[in-house]
């Protein structure tokens, strides 16, 4: 299986457990890898057979901006579920960073894999 990827997608989100976090937008940085068989798209040179990474990017941005989760765990799990349903990919990996939340670290975050590869 081939992989389509999006790296370093920055989206501002309302996320966090503290009161101040619920009042501001904080940057989140996403890396996505999505399983997709590219052979038909390659053979036909037709976007209809490709996993449209521009559409995936727009979906992620709209989803994250519209939600208000306390935990990254909740956000990333729901996002993975929605992406699989919306685009029909058999497997994906999502990594999300919350930069500058821990002063001693460049970022903290999570990485999950869902579906079957």
PDB file of N, CA and C in Angstrom:
ATOM      1  N   UNK A   1       0.844  -1.178   0.000  1.00  0.00           N
ATOM      2  CA  UNK A   1       0.000   0.000   0.000  1.00  0.00           C
ATOM      3  C   UNK A   1       0.889   1.241   0.000  1.00  0.00           C
ATOM      4  N   UNK A   2       0.472   2.209  -0.744  1.00  0.00           N
ATOM      5  CA  UNK A   2       1.203   3.461  -0.831  1.00  0.00           C
ATOM      6  C   UNK A   2       0.751   4.402   0.292  1.00  0.00           C
ATOM      7  N   UNK A   3       1.503   5.444   0.509  1.00  0.00           N
ATOM      8  CA  UNK A   3       1.152   6.420   1.542  1.00  0.00           C
ATOM      9  C   UNK A   3       1.159   7.827   0.961  1.00  0.00           C
ATOM     10  N   UNK A   4       0.122   8.554   1.273  1.00  0.00           N
ATOM     11  CA  UNK A   4       0.035   9.984   0.980  1.00  0.00           C
ATOM     12  C   UNK A   4       0.315  10.681   2.307  1.00  0.00           C
ATOM     13  N   UNK A   5       1.104  11.752   2.291  1.00  0.00           N
ATOM     14  CA  UNK A   5       1.395  12.408   3.563  1.00  0.00           C
ATOM     15  C   UNK A   5       1.208  13.915   3.492  1.00  0.00           C
ATOM     16  N   UNK A   6       0.910  14.469   4.647  1.00  0.00           N
ATOM     17  CA  UNK A   6       0.833  15.915   4.866  1.00  0.00           C
ATOM     18  C   UNK A   6       1.653  16.167   6.119  1.00  0.00           C
ATOM     19  N   UNK A   7       2.651  17.038   6.031  1.00  0.00           N
ATOM     20  CA  UNK A   7       3.522  17.302   7.178  1.00  0.00           C
ATOM     21  C   UNK A   7       3.472  18.768   7.569  1.00  0.00           C
ATOM     22  N   UNK A   8       3.470  19.003   8.865  1.00  0.00           N
ATOM     23  CA  UNK A   8       3.589  20.361   9.389  1.00  0.00           C
ATOM     24  C   UNK A   8       2.364  21.230   9.178  1.00  0.00           C
ATOM     25  N   UNK A   9       1.183  20.624   9.146  1.00  0.00           N
ATOM     26  CA  UNK A   9      -0.052  21.386   8.959  1.00  0.00           C
ATOM     27  C   UNK A   9      -0.396  22.104  10.263  1.00  0.00           C
ATOM     28  N   UNK A  10      -0.319  23.414  10.252  1.00  0.00           N
ATOM     29  CA  UNK A  10      -0.565  24.215  11.444  1.00  0.00           C
ATOM     30  C   UNK A  10      -2.014  24.694  11.441  1.00  0.00           C
ATOM     31  N   UNK A  11      -2.710  24.402  12.546  1.00  0.00           N
ATOM     32  CA  UNK A  11      -4.101  24.814  12.701  1.00  0.00           C
ATOM     33  C   UNK A  11      -4.266  25.371  14.113  1.00  0.00           C
ATOM     34  N   UNK A  12      -4.859  26.548  14.221  1.00  0.00           N
ATOM     35  CA  UNK A  12      -5.136  27.124  15.536  1.00  0.00           C
ATOM     36  C   UNK A  12      -6.433  26.533  16.073  1.00  0.00           C
ATOM     37  N   UNK A  13      -6.408  26.132  17.354  1.00  0.00           N
ATOM     38  CA  UNK A  13      -7.543  25.437  17.947  1.00  0.00           C
ATOM     39  C   UNK A  13      -7.793  25.922  19.368  1.00  0.00           C
ATOM     40  N   UNK A  14      -9.027  25.791  19.800  1.00  0.00           N
ATOM     41  CA  UNK A  14      -9.360  25.962  21.208  1.00  0.00           C
ATOM     42  C   UNK A  14      -9.265  24.573  21.817  1.00  0.00           C
ATOM     43  N   UNK A  15      -8.256  24.376  22.641  1.00  0.00           N
ATOM     44  CA  UNK A  15      -8.026  23.055  23.241  1.00  0.00           C
ATOM     45  C   UNK A  15      -7.332  23.221  24.579  1.00  0.00           C
ATOM     46  N   UNK A  16      -7.762  22.433  25.548  1.00  0.00           N
ATOM     47  CA  UNK A  16      -7.101  22.471  26.844  1.00  0.00           C
ATOM     48  C   UNK A  16      -8.074  22.306  27.989  1.00  0.00           C
ATOM     49  N   UNK A  17      -7.520  22.006  29.156  1.00  0.00           N
ATOM     50  CA  UNK A  17      -8.331  21.775  30.343  1.00  0.00           C
ATOM     51  C   UNK A  17      -8.421  22.995  31.252  1.00  0.00           C
ATOM     52  N   UNK A  18      -7.494  23.909  31.092  1.00  0.00           N
ATOM     53  CA  UNK A  18      -7.486  25.085  31.959  1.00  0.00           C
ATOM     54  C   UNK A  18      -8.392  26.173  31.393  1.00  0.00           C
ATOM     55  N   UNK A  19      -8.952  26.987  32.283  1.00  0.00           N
ATOM     56  CA  UNK A  19      -9.887  28.037  31.861  1.00  0.00           C
ATOM     57  C   UNK A  19      -9.277  28.963  30.813  1.00  0.00           C
ATOM     58  N   UNK A  20      -8.016  29.354  31.000  1.00  0.00           N
ATOM     59  CA  UNK A  20      -7.398  30.278  30.051  1.00  0.00           C
ATOM     60  C   UNK A  20      -7.278  29.634  28.670  1.00  0.00           C
ATOM     61  N   UNK A  21      -7.086  28.309  28.624  1.00  0.00           N
ATOM     62  CA  UNK A  21      -6.954  27.616  27.340  1.00  0.00           C
ATOM     63  C   UNK A  21      -8.274  27.602  26.566  1.00  0.00           C
ATOM     64  N   UNK A  22      -9.374  27.686  27.269  1.00  0.00           N
ATOM     65  CA  UNK A  22     -10.687  27.672  26.636  1.00  0.00           C
ATOM     66  C   UNK A  22     -11.065  29.032  26.060  1.00  0.00           C
ATOM     67  N   UNK A  23     -10.220  30.020  26.322  1.00  0.00           N
ATOM     68  CA  UNK A  23     -10.494  31.382  25.863  1.00  0.00           C
ATOM     69  C   UNK A  23      -9.615  31.830  24.702  1.00  0.00           C
ATOM     70  N   UNK A  24      -8.619  31.028  24.354  1.00  0.00           N
ATOM     71  CA  UNK A  24      -7.674  31.421  23.302  1.00  0.00           C
ATOM     72  C   UNK A  24      -7.484  30.285  22.303  1.00  0.00           C
ATOM     73  N   UNK A  25      -7.019  30.649  21.148  1.00  0.00           N
ATOM     74  CA  UNK A  25      -6.646  29.642  20.144  1.00  0.00           C
ATOM     75  C   UNK A  25      -5.148  29.382  20.279  1.00  0.00           C
ATOM     76  N   UNK A  26      -4.809  28.106  20.267  1.00  0.00           N
ATOM     77  CA  UNK A  26      -3.418  27.695  20.354  1.00  0.00           C
ATOM     78  C   UNK A  26      -3.041  26.928  19.091  1.00  0.00           C
ATOM     79  N   UNK A  27      -1.793  27.052  18.658  1.00  0.00           N
ATOM     80  CA  UNK A  27      -1.392  26.316  17.458  1.00  0.00           C
ATOM     81  C   UNK A  27      -1.220  24.826  17.741  1.00  0.00           C
ATOM     82  N   UNK A  28      -1.714  24.031  16.816  1.00  0.00           N
ATOM     83  CA  UNK A  28      -1.450  22.594  16.794  1.00  0.00           C
ATOM     84  C   UNK A  28      -0.783  22.301  15.459  1.00  0.00           C
ATOM     85  N   UNK A  29       0.127  21.355  15.447  1.00  0.00           N
ATOM     86  CA  UNK A  29       0.831  20.991  14.226  1.00  0.00           C
ATOM     87  C   UNK A  29       0.577  19.505  13.957  1.00  0.00           C
ATOM     88  N   UNK A  30       0.059  19.220  12.759  1.00  0.00           N
ATOM     89  CA  UNK A  30      -0.331  17.869  12.386  1.00  0.00           C
ATOM     90  C   UNK A  30       0.578  17.303  11.311  1.00  0.00           C
ATOM     91  N   UNK A  31       0.925  16.030  11.463  1.00  0.00           N
ATOM     92  CA  UNK A  31       1.549  15.230  10.416  1.00  0.00           C
ATOM     93  C   UNK A  31       0.621  14.048  10.176  1.00  0.00           C
ATOM     94  N   UNK A  32       0.256  13.826   8.920  1.00  0.00           N
ATOM     95  CA  UNK A  32      -0.632  12.725   8.568  1.00  0.00           C
ATOM     96  C   UNK A  32       0.021  11.838   7.529  1.00  0.00           C
ATOM     97  N   UNK A  33      -0.135  10.533   7.690  1.00  0.00           N
ATOM     98  CA  UNK A  33       0.218   9.540   6.673  1.00  0.00           C
ATOM     99  C   UNK A  33      -1.044   8.732   6.429  1.00  0.00           C
ATOM    100  N   UNK A  34      -1.429   8.584   5.159  1.00  0.00           N
ATOM    101  CA  UNK A  34      -2.670   7.913   4.823  1.00  0.00           C
ATOM    102  C   UNK A  34      -2.415   6.861   3.757  1.00  0.00           C
ATOM    103  N   UNK A  35      -2.838   5.635   4.024  1.00  0.00           N
ATOM    104  CA  UNK A  35      -2.680   4.557   3.049  1.00  0.00           C
ATOM    105  C   UNK A  35      -3.623   4.789   1.885  1.00  0.00           C
ATOM    106  N   UNK A  36      -3.076   4.641   0.677  1.00  0.00           N
ATOM    107  CA  UNK A  36      -3.872   4.835  -0.535  1.00  0.00           C
ATOM    108  C   UNK A  36      -3.165   4.155  -1.693  1.00  0.00           C
ATOM    109  N   UNK A  37      -3.882   3.398  -2.463  1.00  0.00           N
ATOM    110  CA  UNK A  37      -3.316   2.765  -3.651  1.00  0.00           C
ATOM    111  C   UNK A  37      -3.309   3.803  -4.781  1.00  0.00           C
ATOM    112  N   UNK A  38      -2.148   4.250  -5.180  1.00  0.00           N
ATOM    113  CA  UNK A  38      -2.046   5.337  -6.168  1.00  0.00           C
ATOM    114  C   UNK A  38      -1.992   4.849  -7.613  1.00  0.00           C
ATOM    115  N   UNK A  39      -2.004   3.542  -7.836  1.00  0.00           N
ATOM    116  CA  UNK A  39      -1.777   3.020  -9.190  1.00  0.00           C
ATOM    117  C   UNK A  39      -2.797   3.496 -10.216  1.00  0.00           C
ATOM    118  N   UNK A  40      -4.081   3.527  -9.865  1.00  0.00           N
ATOM    119  CA  UNK A  40      -5.085   3.960 -10.842  1.00  0.00           C
ATOM    120  C   UNK A  40      -4.937   5.451 -11.151  1.00  0.00           C
ATOM    121  N   UNK A  41      -4.653   6.253 -10.136  1.00  0.00           N
ATOM    122  CA  UNK A  41      -4.421   7.677 -10.359  1.00  0.00           C
ATOM    123  C   UNK A  41      -3.196   7.877 -11.254  1.00  0.00           C
ATOM    124  N   UNK A  42      -2.149   7.119 -11.006  1.00  0.00           N
ATOM    125  CA  UNK A  42      -0.929   7.229 -11.803  1.00  0.00           C
ATOM    126  C   UNK A  42      -1.172   6.802 -13.248  1.00  0.00           C
ATOM    127  N   UNK A  43      -1.924   5.737 -13.430  1.00  0.00           N
ATOM    128  CA  UNK A  43      -2.170   5.220 -14.782  1.00  0.00           C
ATOM    129  C   UNK A  43      -3.060   6.154 -15.604  1.00  0.00           C
ATOM    130  N   UNK A  44      -4.014   6.804 -14.933  1.00  0.00           N
ATOM    131  CA  UNK A  44      -4.980   7.643 -15.656  1.00  0.00           C
ATOM    132  C   UNK A  44      -4.649   9.128 -15.595  1.00  0.00           C
ATOM    133  N   UNK A  45      -3.769   9.513 -14.679  1.00  0.00           N
ATOM    134  CA  UNK A  45      -3.451  10.923 -14.443  1.00  0.00           C
ATOM    135  C   UNK A  45      -4.722  11.714 -14.096  1.00  0.00           C
ATOM    136  N   UNK A  46      -5.606  11.056 -13.314  1.00  0.00           N
ATOM    137  CA  UNK A  46      -6.921  11.610 -12.994  1.00  0.00           C
ATOM    138  C   UNK A  46      -7.057  11.778 -11.474  1.00  0.00           C
ATOM    139  N   UNK A  47      -7.316  12.999 -11.054  1.00  0.00           N
ATOM    140  CA  UNK A  47      -7.465  13.304  -9.635  1.00  0.00           C
ATOM    141  C   UNK A  47      -8.594  12.516  -8.983  1.00  0.00           C
ATOM    142  N   UNK A  48      -9.573  12.104  -9.743  1.00  0.00           N
ATOM    143  CA  UNK A  48     -10.702  11.359  -9.194  1.00  0.00           C
ATOM    144  C   UNK A  48     -10.254  10.062  -8.521  1.00  0.00           C
ATOM    145  N   UNK A  49      -9.099   9.540  -8.897  1.00  0.00           N
ATOM    146  CA  UNK A  49      -8.598   8.290  -8.324  1.00  0.00           C
ATOM    147  C   UNK A  49      -7.511   8.508  -7.273  1.00  0.00           C
ATOM    148  N   UNK A  50      -7.175   9.742  -7.024  1.00  0.00           N
ATOM    149  CA  UNK A  50      -6.135  10.072  -6.041  1.00  0.00           C
ATOM    150  C   UNK A  50      -6.775  10.439  -4.711  1.00  0.00           C
ATOM    151  N   UNK A  51      -6.007  10.331  -3.657  1.00  0.00           N
ATOM    152  CA  UNK A  51      -6.421  10.875  -2.370  1.00  0.00           C
ATOM    153  C   UNK A  51      -6.053  12.348  -2.415  1.00  0.00           C
ATOM    154  N   UNK A  52      -7.039  13.193  -2.470  1.00  0.00           N
ATOM    155  CA  UNK A  52      -6.850  14.625  -2.665  1.00  0.00           C
ATOM    156  C   UNK A  52      -6.349  15.261  -1.368  1.00  0.00           C
ATOM    157  N   UNK A  53      -5.037  15.501  -1.284  1.00  0.00           N
ATOM    158  CA  UNK A  53      -4.474  16.024  -0.042  1.00  0.00           C
ATOM    159  C   UNK A  53      -4.929  17.447   0.246  1.00  0.00           C
ATOM    160  N   UNK A  54      -5.323  18.204  -0.777  1.00  0.00           N
ATOM    161  CA  UNK A  54      -5.881  19.535  -0.530  1.00  0.00           C
ATOM    162  C   UNK A  54      -7.234  19.418   0.169  1.00  0.00           C
ATOM    163  N   UNK A  55      -8.039  18.450  -0.241  1.00  0.00           N
ATOM    164  CA  UNK A  55      -9.339  18.225   0.405  1.00  0.00           C
ATOM    165  C   UNK A  55      -9.158  17.712   1.833  1.00  0.00           C
ATOM    166  N   UNK A  56      -8.178  16.836   2.039  1.00  0.00           N
ATOM    167  CA  UNK A  56      -7.902  16.332   3.382  1.00  0.00           C
ATOM    168  C   UNK A  56      -7.448  17.484   4.276  1.00  0.00           C
ATOM    169  N   UNK A  57      -6.560  18.326   3.763  1.00  0.00           N
ATOM    170  CA  UNK A  57      -6.077  19.478   4.524  1.00  0.00           C
ATOM    171  C   UNK A  57      -7.236  20.377   4.937  1.00  0.00           C
ATOM    172  N   UNK A  58      -8.091  20.704   4.002  1.00  0.00           N
ATOM    173  CA  UNK A  58      -9.242  21.564   4.299  1.00  0.00           C
ATOM    174  C   UNK A  58     -10.166  20.911   5.333  1.00  0.00           C
ATOM    175  N   UNK A  59     -10.357  19.614   5.218  1.00  0.00           N
ATOM    176  CA  UNK A  59     -11.202  18.891   6.169  1.00  0.00           C
ATOM    177  C   UNK A  59     -10.612  18.980   7.582  1.00  0.00           C
ATOM    178  N   UNK A  60      -9.317  18.735   7.710  1.00  0.00           N
ATOM    179  CA  UNK A  60      -8.654  18.803   9.012  1.00  0.00           C
ATOM    180  C   UNK A  60      -8.783  20.205   9.595  1.00  0.00           C
ATOM    181  N   UNK A  61      -8.494  21.218   8.788  1.00  0.00           N
ATOM    182  CA  UNK A  61      -8.585  22.597   9.271  1.00  0.00           C
ATOM    183  C   UNK A  61      -9.991  22.924   9.763  1.00  0.00           C
ATOM    184  N   UNK A  62     -10.995  22.597   8.982  1.00  0.00           N
ATOM    185  CA  UNK A  62     -12.378  22.894   9.365  1.00  0.00           C
ATOM    186  C   UNK A  62     -12.804  22.117  10.599  1.00  0.00           C
ATOM    187  N   UNK A  63     -12.436  20.844  10.677  1.00  0.00           N
ATOM    188  CA  UNK A  63     -12.784  20.013  11.829  1.00  0.00           C
ATOM    189  C   UNK A  63     -12.167  20.573  13.107  1.00  0.00           C
ATOM    190  N   UNK A  64     -10.879  20.856  13.064  1.00  0.00           N
ATOM    191  CA  UNK A  64     -10.167  21.312  14.268  1.00  0.00           C
ATOM    192  C   UNK A  64     -10.683  22.675  14.721  1.00  0.00           C
ATOM    193  N   UNK A  65     -10.908  23.577  13.796  1.00  0.00           N
ATOM    194  CA  UNK A  65     -11.385  24.920  14.159  1.00  0.00           C
ATOM    195  C   UNK A  65     -12.807  24.909  14.712  1.00  0.00           C
ATOM    196  N   UNK A  66     -13.618  23.957  14.305  1.00  0.00           N
ATOM    197  CA  UNK A  66     -15.022  23.913  14.721  1.00  0.00           C
ATOM    198  C   UNK A  66     -15.222  23.217  16.069  1.00  0.00           C
ATOM    199  N   UNK A  67     -14.229  22.479  16.536  1.00  0.00           N
ATOM    200  CA  UNK A  67     -14.362  21.691  17.768  1.00  0.00           C
ATOM    201  C   UNK A  67     -13.720  22.406  18.946  1.00  0.00           C
ATOM    202  N   UNK A  68     -14.154  22.024  20.144  1.00  0.00           N
ATOM    203  CA  UNK A  68     -13.548  22.529  21.374  1.00  0.00           C
ATOM    204  C   UNK A  68     -13.349  21.348  22.317  1.00  0.00           C
ATOM    205  N   UNK A  69     -12.214  20.705  22.195  1.00  0.00           N
ATOM    206  CA  UNK A  69     -11.887  19.560  23.044  1.00  0.00           C
ATOM    207  C   UNK A  69     -11.001  20.007  24.195  1.00  0.00           C
ATOM    208  N   UNK A  70     -11.076  19.273  25.290  1.00  0.00           N
ATOM    209  CA  UNK A  70     -10.158  19.508  26.397  1.00  0.00           C
ATOM    210  C   UNK A  70      -8.839  18.773  26.155  1.00  0.00           C
ATOM    211  N   UNK A  71      -8.937  17.557  25.625  1.00  0.00           N
ATOM    212  CA  UNK A  71      -7.756  16.704  25.495  1.00  0.00           C
ATOM    213  C   UNK A  71      -7.376  16.476  24.040  1.00  0.00           C
ATOM    214  N   UNK A  72      -6.074  16.450  23.788  1.00  0.00           N
ATOM    215  CA  UNK A  72      -5.591  16.064  22.467  1.00  0.00           C
ATOM    216  C   UNK A  72      -6.053  14.658  22.117  1.00  0.00           C
ATOM    217  N   UNK A  73      -6.140  13.801  23.115  1.00  0.00           N
ATOM    218  CA  UNK A  73      -6.578  12.431  22.890  1.00  0.00           C
ATOM    219  C   UNK A  73      -7.969  12.392  22.238  1.00  0.00           C
ATOM    220  N   UNK A  74      -8.866  13.213  22.734  1.00  0.00           N
ATOM    221  CA  UNK A  74     -10.225  13.261  22.181  1.00  0.00           C
ATOM    222  C   UNK A  74     -10.211  13.805  20.764  1.00  0.00           C
ATOM    223  N   UNK A  75      -9.476  14.877  20.554  1.00  0.00           N
ATOM    224  CA  UNK A  75      -9.408  15.492  19.231  1.00  0.00           C
ATOM    225  C   UNK A  75      -8.845  14.526  18.203  1.00  0.00           C
ATOM    226  N   UNK A  76      -7.719  13.908  18.495  1.00  0.00           N
ATOM    227  CA  UNK A  76      -7.042  13.073  17.507  1.00  0.00           C
ATOM    228  C   UNK A  76      -7.850  11.806  17.202  1.00  0.00           C
ATOM    229  N   UNK A  77      -8.496  11.241  18.218  1.00  0.00           N
ATOM    230  CA  UNK A  77      -9.305  10.033  18.004  1.00  0.00           C
ATOM    231  C   UNK A  77     -10.505  10.341  17.112  1.00  0.00           C
ATOM    232  N   UNK A  78     -11.210  11.419  17.396  1.00  0.00           N
ATOM    233  CA  UNK A  78     -12.374  11.798  16.583  1.00  0.00           C
ATOM    234  C   UNK A  78     -11.957  12.182  15.172  1.00  0.00           C
ATOM    235  N   UNK A  79     -10.850  12.906  15.048  1.00  0.00           N
ATOM    236  CA  UNK A  79     -10.371  13.308  13.726  1.00  0.00           C
ATOM    237  C   UNK A  79     -10.029  12.077  12.887  1.00  0.00           C
ATOM    238  N   UNK A  80      -9.340  11.119  13.461  1.00  0.00           N
ATOM    239  CA  UNK A  80      -8.991   9.899  12.729  1.00  0.00           C
ATOM    240  C   UNK A  80     -10.253   9.188  12.248  1.00  0.00           C
ATOM    241  N   UNK A  81     -11.223   9.041  13.116  1.00  0.00           N
ATOM    242  CA  UNK A  81     -12.475   8.377  12.763  1.00  0.00           C
ATOM    243  C   UNK A  81     -13.180   9.107  11.619  1.00  0.00           C
ATOM    244  N   UNK A  82     -13.246  10.411  11.704  1.00  0.00           N
ATOM    245  CA  UNK A  82     -13.928  11.211  10.680  1.00  0.00           C
ATOM    246  C   UNK A  82     -13.200  11.155   9.337  1.00  0.00           C
ATOM    247  N   UNK A  83     -11.877  11.205   9.354  1.00  0.00           N
ATOM    248  CA  UNK A  83     -11.121  11.143   8.100  1.00  0.00           C
ATOM    249  C   UNK A  83     -11.305   9.801   7.394  1.00  0.00           C
ATOM    250  N   UNK A  84     -11.273   8.722   8.156  1.00  0.00           N
ATOM    251  CA  UNK A  84     -11.466   7.396   7.564  1.00  0.00           C
ATOM    252  C   UNK A  84     -12.851   7.302   6.933  1.00  0.00           C
ATOM    253  N   UNK A  85     -13.863   7.804   7.638  1.00  0.00           N
ATOM    254  CA  UNK A  85     -15.232   7.776   7.099  1.00  0.00           C
ATOM    255  C   UNK A  85     -15.366   8.658   5.861  1.00  0.00           C
ATOM    256  N   UNK A  86     -14.837   9.858   5.928  1.00  0.00           N
ATOM    257  CA  UNK A  86     -15.023  10.834   4.842  1.00  0.00           C
ATOM    258  C   UNK A  86     -14.289  10.448   3.558  1.00  0.00           C
ATOM    259  N   UNK A  87     -13.067   9.937   3.690  1.00  0.00           N
ATOM    260  CA  UNK A  87     -12.233   9.711   2.511  1.00  0.00           C
ATOM    261  C   UNK A  87     -12.051   8.235   2.153  1.00  0.00           C
ATOM    262  N   UNK A  88     -12.464   7.334   3.028  1.00  0.00           N
ATOM    263  CA  UNK A  88     -12.393   5.917   2.716  1.00  0.00           C
ATOM    264  C   UNK A  88     -10.995   5.332   2.688  1.00  0.00           C
ATOM    265  N   UNK A  89     -10.078   5.959   3.388  1.00  0.00           N
ATOM    266  CA  UNK A  89      -8.724   5.410   3.453  1.00  0.00           C
ATOM    267  C   UNK A  89      -8.709   4.213   4.397  1.00  0.00           C
ATOM    268  N   UNK A  90      -7.959   3.168   4.065  1.00  0.00           N
ATOM    269  CA  UNK A  90      -7.974   1.978   4.918  1.00  0.00           C
ATOM    270  C   UNK A  90      -7.146   2.111   6.201  1.00  0.00           C
ATOM    271  N   UNK A  91      -6.192   3.034   6.220  1.00  0.00           N
ATOM    272  CA  UNK A  91      -5.282   3.192   7.354  1.00  0.00           C
ATOM    273  C   UNK A  91      -4.768   4.615   7.368  1.00  0.00           C
ATOM    274  N   UNK A  92      -4.543   5.119   8.578  1.00  0.00           N
ATOM    275  CA  UNK A  92      -3.872   6.414   8.679  1.00  0.00           C
ATOM    276  C   UNK A  92      -3.116   6.524   9.983  1.00  0.00           C
ATOM    277  N   UNK A  93      -2.133   7.384   9.958  1.00  0.00           N
ATOM    278  CA  UNK A  93      -1.354   7.743  11.134  1.00  0.00           C
ATOM    279  C   UNK A  93      -1.454   9.253  11.270  1.00  0.00           C
ATOM    280  N   UNK A  94      -1.774   9.696  12.482  1.00  0.00           N
ATOM    281  CA  UNK A  94      -1.819  11.139  12.749  1.00  0.00           C
ATOM    282  C   UNK A  94      -0.910  11.428  13.928  1.00  0.00           C
ATOM    283  N   UNK A  95      -0.090  12.433  13.746  1.00  0.00           N
ATOM    284  CA  UNK A  95       0.765  12.940  14.823  1.00  0.00           C
ATOM    285  C   UNK A  95       0.359  14.387  15.038  1.00  0.00           C
ATOM    286  N   UNK A  96       0.108  14.765  16.279  1.00  0.00           N
ATOM    287  CA  UNK A  96      -0.250  16.149  16.580  1.00  0.00           C
ATOM    288  C   UNK A  96       0.658  16.665  17.687  1.00  0.00           C
ATOM    289  N   UNK A  97       1.183  17.863  17.469  1.00  0.00           N
ATOM    290  CA  UNK A  97       2.037  18.530  18.451  1.00  0.00           C
ATOM    291  C   UNK A  97       1.308  19.743  19.003  1.00  0.00           C
ATOM    292  N   UNK A  98       1.505  19.975  20.287  1.00  0.00           N
ATOM    293  CA  UNK A  98       1.042  21.198  20.937  1.00  0.00           C
ATOM    294  C   UNK A  98       2.320  21.930  21.370  1.00  0.00           C
ATOM    295  N   UNK A  99       2.806  22.830  20.498  1.00  0.00           N
ATOM    296  CA  UNK A  99       4.089  23.493  20.763  1.00  0.00           C
ATOM    297  C   UNK A  99       4.047  24.404  21.990  1.00  0.00           C
ATOM    298  N   UNK A 100       5.161  24.504  22.648  1.00  0.00           N
ATOM    299  CA  UNK A 100       5.393  25.489  23.708  1.00  0.00           C
ATOM    300  C   UNK A 100       4.467  25.357  24.907  1.00  0.00           C
ATOM    301  N   UNK A 101       3.855  24.207  25.114  1.00  0.00           N
ATOM    302  CA  UNK A 101       2.992  24.044  26.280  1.00  0.00           C
ATOM    303  C   UNK A 101       3.803  23.639  27.517  1.00  0.00           C
ATOM    304  N   UNK A 102       4.902  22.939  27.286  1.00  0.00           N
ATOM    305  CA  UNK A 102       5.831  22.586  28.358  1.00  0.00           C
ATOM    306  C   UNK A 102       7.116  23.362  28.088  1.00  0.00           C
ATOM    307  N   UNK A 103       7.464  24.312  28.954  1.00  0.00           N
ATOM    308  CA  UNK A 103       8.617  25.187  28.673  1.00  0.00           C
ATOM    309  C   UNK A 103       9.923  24.452  28.391  1.00  0.00           C
ATOM    310  N   UNK A 104      10.123  23.295  28.988  1.00  0.00           N
ATOM    311  CA  UNK A 104      11.367  22.553  28.810  1.00  0.00           C
ATOM    312  C   UNK A 104      11.410  21.782  27.492  1.00  0.00           C
ATOM    313  N   UNK A 105      10.286  21.715  26.778  1.00  0.00           N
ATOM    314  CA  UNK A 105      10.212  20.923  25.547  1.00  0.00           C
ATOM    315  C   UNK A 105       9.788  21.795  24.375  1.00  0.00           C
ATOM    316  N   UNK A 106      10.259  21.445  23.194  1.00  0.00           N
ATOM    317  CA  UNK A 106       9.835  22.150  21.980  1.00  0.00           C
ATOM    318  C   UNK A 106       8.353  21.948  21.748  1.00  0.00           C
ATOM    319  N   UNK A 107       7.870  20.726  22.040  1.00  0.00           N
ATOM    320  CA  UNK A 107       6.454  20.412  21.858  1.00  0.00           C
ATOM    321  C   UNK A 107       6.127  19.130  22.610  1.00  0.00           C
ATOM    322  N   UNK A 108       4.846  18.952  22.866  1.00  0.00           N
ATOM    323  CA  UNK A 108       4.317  17.689  23.372  1.00  0.00           C
ATOM    324  C   UNK A 108       3.230  17.261  22.401  1.00  0.00           C
ATOM    325  N   UNK A 109       2.849  16.000  22.467  1.00  0.00           N
ATOM    326  CA  UNK A 109       1.805  15.585  21.547  1.00  0.00           C
ATOM    327  C   UNK A 109       1.526  14.106  21.590  1.00  0.00           C
ATOM    328  N   UNK A 110       0.845  13.652  20.547  1.00  0.00           N
ATOM    329  CA  UNK A 110       0.420  12.265  20.429  1.00  0.00           C
ATOM    330  C   UNK A 110       0.605  11.783  19.005  1.00  0.00           C
ATOM    331  N   UNK A 111       0.692  10.479  18.852  1.00  0.00           N
ATOM    332  CA  UNK A 111       0.675   9.856  17.533  1.00  0.00           C
ATOM    333  C   UNK A 111      -0.171   8.604  17.633  1.00  0.00           C
ATOM    334  N   UNK A 112      -1.123   8.465  16.709  1.00  0.00           N
ATOM    335  CA  UNK A 112      -1.949   7.271  16.667  1.00  0.00           C
ATOM    336  C   UNK A 112      -1.987   6.699  15.264  1.00  0.00           C
ATOM    337  N   UNK A 113      -2.303   5.428  15.172  1.00  0.00           N
ATOM    338  CA  UNK A 113      -2.545   4.753  13.903  1.00  0.00           C
ATOM    339  C   UNK A 113      -3.899   4.072  14.003  1.00  0.00           C
ATOM    340  N   UNK A 114      -4.714   4.222  12.963  1.00  0.00           N
ATOM    341  CA  UNK A 114      -6.036   3.606  12.950  1.00  0.00           C
ATOM    342  C   UNK A 114      -6.284   2.959  11.596  1.00  0.00           C
ATOM    343  N   UNK A 115      -7.118   1.933  11.599  1.00  0.00           N
ATOM    344  CA  UNK A 115      -7.425   1.205  10.392  1.00  0.00           C
ATOM    345  C   UNK A 115      -6.489   0.030  10.218  1.00  0.00           C
ATOM    346  N   UNK A 116      -6.539  -0.565   9.033  1.00  0.00           N
ATOM    347  CA  UNK A 116      -5.700  -1.722   8.733  1.00  0.00           C
ATOM    348  C   UNK A 116      -4.812  -1.410   7.552  1.00  0.00           C
ATOM    349  N   UNK A 117      -3.544  -1.685   7.706  1.00  0.00           N
ATOM    350  CA  UNK A 117      -2.569  -1.370   6.670  1.00  0.00           C
ATOM    351  C   UNK A 117      -2.299  -2.584   5.834  1.00  0.00           C
TER     352      UNK A 117
END
